[in-house]
C-alpha atoms as a PDB file:
ATOM      1  CA  MET A   1    -197.362  54.392 -27.592  1.00  0.00           C
ATOM      2  CA  TYR A   2    -195.077  57.153 -28.023  1.00  0.00           C
ATOM      3  CA  HIS A   3    -194.715  58.158 -31.930  1.00  0.00           C
ATOM      4  CA  PRO A   4    -191.860  59.144 -33.489  1.00  0.00           C
ATOM      5  CA  SER A   5    -191.271  62.995 -33.304  1.00  0.00           C
ATOM      6  CA  GLU A   6    -188.792  65.474 -33.578  1.00  0.00           C
ATOM      7  CA  ASP A   7    -186.922  64.557 -30.283  1.00  0.00           C
ATOM      8  CA  THR A   8    -187.158  60.823 -31.637  1.00  0.00           C
ATOM      9  CA  PHE A   9    -184.980  61.959 -34.612  1.00  0.00           C
ATOM     10  CA  LEU A  10    -182.354  64.022 -32.592  1.00  0.00           C
ATOM     11  CA  LEU A  11    -181.692  60.991 -30.455  1.00  0.00           C
ATOM     12  CA  ILE A  12    -181.260  58.529 -33.768  1.00  0.00           C
ATOM     13  CA  ARG A  13    -178.907  61.333 -35.382  1.00  0.00           C
ATOM     14  CA  GLY A  14    -176.927  61.800 -32.277  1.00  0.00           C
ATOM     15  CA  LEU A  15    -176.217  58.123 -31.474  1.00  0.00           C
ATOM     16  CA  GLU A  16    -175.406  57.672 -35.310  1.00  0.00           C
ATOM     17  CA  ARG A  17    -172.351  59.794 -34.416  1.00  0.00           C
ATOM     18  CA  THR A  18    -171.237  57.123 -31.893  1.00  0.00           C
ATOM     19  CA  SER A  19    -169.005  54.596 -33.063  1.00  0.00           C
ATOM     20  CA  SER A  20    -169.552  51.449 -30.886  1.00  0.00           C
ATOM     21  CA  LEU A  21    -172.785  51.069 -29.122  1.00  0.00           C
ATOM     22  CA  GLY A  22    -171.966  47.368 -27.726  1.00  0.00           C
ATOM     23  CA  VAL A  23    -174.731  46.100 -25.612  1.00  0.00           C
ATOM     24  CA  VAL A  24    -177.775  48.573 -25.557  1.00  0.00           C
ATOM     25  CA  LEU A  25    -180.534  48.938 -23.284  1.00  0.00           C
ATOM     26  CA  GLU A  26    -183.281  51.319 -24.498  1.00  0.00           C
ATOM     27  CA  ILE A  27    -185.748  52.375 -21.543  1.00  0.00           C
ATOM     28  CA  GLY A  28    -189.274  53.255 -23.029  1.00  0.00           C
ATOM     29  CA  VAL A  29    -188.922  51.646 -26.396  1.00  0.00           C
ATOM     30  CA  GLY A  30    -192.198  53.250 -27.567  1.00  0.00           C
ATOM     31  CA  SER A  31    -192.669  52.770 -31.390  1.00  0.00           C
ATOM     32  CA  GLY A  32    -189.407  50.725 -31.919  1.00  0.00           C
ATOM     33  CA  LYS A  33    -188.424  53.448 -34.239  1.00  0.00           C
ATOM     34  CA  VAL A  34    -184.895  54.004 -32.245  1.00  0.00           C
ATOM     35  CA  ALA A  35    -184.671  50.172 -32.045  1.00  0.00           C
ATOM     36  CA  GLU A  36    -184.977  49.761 -35.671  1.00  0.00           C
ATOM     37  CA  VAL A  37    -182.231  52.334 -36.627  1.00  0.00           C
ATOM     38  CA  LEU A  38    -179.643  51.455 -34.059  1.00  0.00           C
ATOM     39  CA  GLY A  39    -180.104  47.670 -33.443  1.00  0.00           C
ATOM     40  CA  LYS A  40    -178.431  46.713 -36.498  1.00  0.00           C
ATOM     41  CA  ARG A  41    -175.348  48.687 -35.116  1.00  0.00           C
ATOM     42  CA  ALA A  42    -175.369  46.924 -31.585  1.00  0.00           C
ATOM     43  CA  ASP A  43    -173.719  44.015 -30.348  1.00  0.00           C
ATOM     44  CA  MET A  44    -177.467  43.216 -28.621  1.00  0.00           C
ATOM     45  CA  TYR A  45    -180.039  45.623 -28.226  1.00  0.00           C
ATOM     46  CA  ILE A  46    -182.774  45.101 -25.290  1.00  0.00           C
ATOM     47  CA  GLY A  47    -185.759  47.433 -25.494  1.00  0.00           C
ATOM     48  CA  CYS A  48    -187.779  47.410 -22.326  1.00  0.00           C
ATOM     49  CA  ASP A  49    -191.323  49.452 -21.816  1.00  0.00           C
ATOM     50  CA  ILE A  50    -194.079  49.283 -19.013  1.00  0.00           C
ATOM     51  CA  ASP A  51    -196.731  49.337 -22.085  1.00  0.00           C
ATOM     52  CA  LEU A  52    -197.176  45.439 -23.116  1.00  0.00           C
ATOM     53  CA  SER A  53    -199.348  46.467 -26.332  1.00  0.00           C
ATOM     54  CA  THR A  54    -196.355  48.768 -27.313  1.00  0.00           C
ATOM     55  CA  LEU A  55    -194.189  45.506 -27.187  1.00  0.00           C
ATOM     56  CA  ILE A  56    -196.485  43.385 -28.789  1.00  0.00           C
ATOM     57  CA  GLN A  57    -196.729  45.768 -31.739  1.00  0.00           C
ATOM     58  CA  ILE A  58    -192.942  45.802 -32.210  1.00  0.00           C
ATOM     59  CA  VAL A  59    -192.700  42.044 -31.450  1.00  0.00           C
ATOM     60  CA  HIS A  60    -194.875  42.126 -35.141  1.00  0.00           C
ATOM     61  CA  ASP A  61    -191.881  44.393 -36.760  1.00  0.00           C
ATOM     62  CA  ALA A  62    -188.969  41.601 -35.614  1.00  0.00           C
ATOM     63  CA  PHE A  63    -185.870  43.563 -35.472  1.00  0.00           C
ATOM     64  CA  PRO A  64    -182.869  41.417 -35.744  1.00  0.00           C
ATOM     65  CA  ARG A  65    -180.691  41.182 -32.278  1.00  0.00           C
ATOM     66  CA  THR A  66    -183.562  42.753 -30.467  1.00  0.00           C
ATOM     67  CA  GLU A  67    -184.900  41.521 -27.017  1.00  0.00           C
ATOM     68  CA  LEU A  68    -188.058  42.934 -25.659  1.00  0.00           C
ATOM     69  CA  VAL A  69    -188.650  42.841 -21.700  1.00  0.00           C
ATOM     70  CA  CYS A  70    -192.051  44.426 -20.196  1.00  0.00           C
ATOM     71  CA  CYS A  71    -190.802  46.455 -17.138  1.00  0.00           C
ATOM     72  CA  ASP A  72    -191.238  49.716 -15.240  1.00  0.00           C
ATOM     73  CA  SER A  73    -188.076  51.716 -16.021  1.00  0.00           C
ATOM     74  CA  ALA A  74    -185.172  49.417 -15.936  1.00  0.00           C
ATOM     75  CA  ASN A  75    -185.299  47.787 -12.461  1.00  0.00           C
ATOM     76  CA  CYS A  76    -185.659  44.258 -13.517  1.00  0.00           C
ATOM     77  CA  PHE A  77    -181.849  44.220 -15.102  1.00  0.00           C
ATOM     78  CA  ILE A  78    -178.669  43.068 -13.125  1.00  0.00           C
ATOM     79  CA  ASN A  79    -175.698  45.708 -12.442  1.00  0.00           C
ATOM     80  CA  ASN A  80    -172.886  46.716 -14.815  1.00  0.00           C
ATOM     81  CA  HIS A  81    -174.348  45.132 -17.663  1.00  0.00           C
ATOM     82  CA  PHE A  82    -174.708  47.768 -20.690  1.00  0.00           C
ATOM     83  CA  ASP A  83    -172.112  49.668 -22.406  1.00  0.00           C
ATOM     84  CA  THR A  84    -175.209  52.123 -23.920  1.00  0.00           C
ATOM     85  CA  VAL A  85    -178.523  53.109 -21.997  1.00  0.00           C
ATOM     86  CA  ILE A  86    -180.948  55.109 -24.132  1.00  0.00           C
ATOM     87  CA  PHE A  87    -184.071  57.084 -23.297  1.00  0.00           C
ATOM     88  CA  ASN A  88    -186.334  59.530 -24.570  1.00  0.00           C
ATOM     89  CA  PRO A  89    -188.048  59.951 -21.286  1.00  0.00           C
ATOM     90  CA  PRO A  90    -191.475  61.823 -20.799  1.00  0.00           C
ATOM     91  CA  TYR A  91    -190.024  65.265 -20.202  1.00  0.00           C
ATOM     92  CA  LEU A  92    -193.009  68.054 -20.379  1.00  0.00           C
ATOM     93  CA  PRO A  93    -193.587  69.734 -16.915  1.00  0.00           C
ATOM     94  CA  SER A  94    -197.084  68.748 -15.795  1.00  0.00           C
ATOM     95  CA  GLU A  95    -199.272  68.711 -12.632  1.00  0.00           C
ATOM     96  CA  GLY A  96    -199.345  64.922 -12.572  1.00  0.00           C
ATOM     97  CA  ILE A  97    -198.566  62.187 -14.844  1.00  0.00           C
ATOM     98  CA  VAL A  98    -201.724  62.168 -16.920  1.00  0.00           C
ATOM     99  CA  ASP A  99    -200.291  61.228 -20.119  1.00  0.00           C
ATOM    100  CA  GLN A 100    -197.438  58.804 -19.288  1.00  0.00           C
ATOM    101  CA  THR A 101    -195.639  59.361 -23.043  1.00  0.00           C
ATOM    102  CA  VAL A 102    -195.226  62.891 -22.717  1.00  0.00           C
ATOM    103  CA  ASP A 103    -195.524  64.264 -18.936  1.00  0.00           C
ATOM    104  CA  GLY A 104    -192.630  64.593 -16.829  1.00  0.00           C
ATOM    105  CA  GLY A 105    -194.086  65.654 -13.621  1.00  0.00           C
ATOM    106  CA  ARG A 106    -193.907  69.041 -11.808  1.00  0.00           C
ATOM    107  CA  GLN A 107    -190.321  70.077 -13.334  1.00  0.00           C
ATOM    108  CA  GLY A 108    -190.533  68.050 -16.315  1.00  0.00           C
ATOM    109  CA  ASN A 109    -187.671  65.403 -14.593  1.00  0.00           C
ATOM    110  CA  GLU A 110    -189.544  63.190 -12.542  1.00  0.00           C
ATOM    111  CA  ILE A 111    -189.486  60.179 -15.127  1.00  0.00           C
ATOM    112  CA  LEU A 112    -186.015  61.239 -16.038  1.00  0.00           C
ATOM    113  CA  PHE A 113    -184.619  61.177 -12.632  1.00  0.00           C
ATOM    114  CA  LYS A 114    -186.259  57.739 -12.212  1.00  0.00           C
ATOM    115  CA  PHE A 115    -184.645  56.584 -15.513  1.00  0.00           C
ATOM    116  CA  LEU A 116    -181.368  57.982 -14.526  1.00  0.00           C
ATOM    117  CA  LYS A 117    -181.498  56.225 -11.236  1.00  0.00           C
ATOM    118  CA  SER A 118    -181.877  52.690 -12.731  1.00  0.00           C
ATOM    119  CA  SER A 119    -179.350  53.471 -15.232  1.00  0.00           C
ATOM    120  CA  PHE A 120    -176.253  54.662 -13.218  1.00  0.00           C
ATOM    121  CA  LYS A 121    -176.420  51.348 -11.861  1.00  0.00           C
ATOM    122  CA  LEU A 122    -176.801  49.241 -14.732  1.00  0.00           C
ATOM    123  CA  LEU A 123    -173.858  50.726 -16.895  1.00  0.00           C
ATOM    124  CA  LYS A 124    -170.514  49.203 -17.460  1.00  0.00           C
ATOM    125  CA  LEU A 125    -167.551  51.112 -16.282  1.00  0.00           C
ATOM    126  CA  TYR A 126    -166.599  52.996 -19.253  1.00  0.00           C
ATOM    127  CA  GLY A 127    -170.400  52.955 -20.930  1.00  0.00           C
ATOM    128  CA  SER A 128    -172.491  55.574 -21.911  1.00  0.00           C
ATOM    129  CA  ILE A 129    -176.241  57.033 -20.991  1.00  0.00           C
ATOM    130  CA  PHE A 130    -177.716  59.064 -23.712  1.00  0.00           C
ATOM    131  CA  PHE A 131    -180.925  60.671 -22.849  1.00  0.00           C
ATOM    132  CA  ILE A 132    -183.282  63.447 -24.631  1.00  0.00           C
ATOM    133  CA  SER A 133    -184.725  66.423 -22.488  1.00  0.00           C
ATOM    134  CA  SER A 134    -186.134  70.298 -23.060  1.00  0.00           C
ATOM    135  CA  SER A 135    -185.662  73.281 -22.298  1.00  0.00           C
ATOM    136  CA  LEU A 136    -189.229  73.110 -20.734  1.00  0.00           C
ATOM    137  CA  ALA A 137    -187.793  71.051 -18.133  1.00  0.00           C
ATOM    138  CA  ASN A 138    -185.515  72.358 -15.237  1.00  0.00           C
ATOM    139  CA  VAL A 139    -182.473  71.790 -17.069  1.00  0.00           C
ATOM    140  CA  GLN A 140    -180.201  72.919 -14.291  1.00  0.00           C
ATOM    141  CA  GLU A 141    -181.401  70.527 -11.679  1.00  0.00           C
ATOM    142  CA  ILE A 142    -181.062  67.805 -14.417  1.00  0.00           C
ATOM    143  CA  LYS A 143    -177.201  68.893 -14.397  1.00  0.00           C
ATOM    144  CA  ASP A 144    -176.922  68.973 -10.651  1.00  0.00           C
ATOM    145  CA  PHE A 145    -178.623  65.696 -10.442  1.00  0.00           C
ATOM    146  CA  ILE A 146    -176.023  64.027 -12.848  1.00  0.00           C
ATOM    147  CA  LYS A 147    -173.141  65.481 -10.801  1.00  0.00           C
ATOM    148  CA  GLU A 148    -174.320  64.354  -7.378  1.00  0.00           C
ATOM    149  CA  ASN A 149    -174.609  60.800  -9.029  1.00  0.00           C
ATOM    150  CA  GLU A 150    -170.702  61.091  -9.792  1.00  0.00           C
ATOM    151  CA  PHE A 151    -171.353  61.077 -13.600  1.00  0.00           C
ATOM    152  CA  ASP A 152    -170.224  63.693 -16.057  1.00  0.00           C
ATOM    153  CA  TYR A 153    -172.344  64.798 -18.676  1.00  0.00           C
ATOM    154  CA  GLU A 154    -172.155  66.693 -22.036  1.00  0.00           C
ATOM    155  CA  ILE A 155    -174.450  68.352 -24.491  1.00  0.00           C
ATOM    156  CA  ILE A 156    -174.378  66.561 -27.767  1.00  0.00           C
ATOM    157  CA  ILE A 157    -177.204  68.303 -29.648  1.00  0.00           C
ATOM    158  CA  LYS A 158    -179.440  71.115 -28.873  1.00  0.00           C
ATOM    159  CA  GLU A 159    -181.935  71.904 -31.591  1.00  0.00           C
ATOM    160  CA  HIS A 160    -184.656  74.508 -31.036  1.00  0.00           C
ATOM    161  CA  TYR A 161    -188.305  73.703 -32.019  1.00  0.00           C
ATOM    162  CA  ILE A 162    -191.321  76.304 -32.456  1.00  0.00           C
ATOM    163  CA  PHE A 163    -191.473  76.228 -28.337  1.00  0.00           C
ATOM    164  CA  GLU A 164    -188.545  74.645 -26.904  1.00  0.00           C
ATOM    165  CA  ASP A 165    -184.958  73.400 -26.925  1.00  0.00           C
ATOM    166  CA  ILE A 166    -184.559  69.939 -27.545  1.00  0.00           C
ATOM    167  CA  ILE A 167    -181.535  68.442 -25.784  1.00  0.00           C
ATOM    168  CA  LEU A 168    -179.578  65.184 -26.258  1.00  0.00           C
ATOM    169  CA  PHE A 169    -177.274  64.741 -23.116  1.00  0.00           C
ATOM    170  CA  ARG A 170    -174.429  61.944 -22.792  1.00  0.00           C
ATOM    171  CA  CYS A 171    -173.454  60.872 -19.315  1.00  0.00           C
ATOM    172  CA  ARG A 172    -170.029  59.105 -18.354  1.00  0.00           C
ATOM    173  CA  LYS A 173    -168.880  57.667 -14.910  1.00  0.00           C
ATOM    174  CA  PHE A 174    -166.815  60.323 -13.605  1.00  0.00           C
ATOM    175  CA  ILE A 175    -163.522  58.338 -13.045  1.00  0.00           C
ATOM    176  CA  LEU A 176    -160.351  60.206 -11.534  1.00  0.00           C
ATOM    177  CA  ILE A 177    -157.293  58.563 -13.049  1.00  0.00           C
END
């Protein structure tokens, strides 16, 4: 289980600025801290995690209007269902995935791209994806990946901590009018 840290609280602060969350999916619910804080503001909050023991712990905390699903990424959900998708993926560059709570692959983006791919298809037309990354990851590769998938992005918050910048991204479908 990933325990709340600076990146968790940055994600929460950024999302507290959002007026309406609608139907929310959090991929990798971890400790449940984001669900605890933001679940009250959502029409429905669904948290998923690959670790069943993590979900069992959160069930004991019983957050209102929150459903929990054990799955890898978000591949078990149907298309165009969520207004908001949230995740704080493992983003530290690593040679392999040893610690699934922090290791993000060689460029720090391997797990992030997996989460983004599943999120792109789950998002309603005018929905938003919010996710955390780090300056230690290949940020340009992230931006390129988002654009290649016909989404736009903006950086909501970027804060410096000891050895890295933590970045909160917001993605939306690129729509020509």
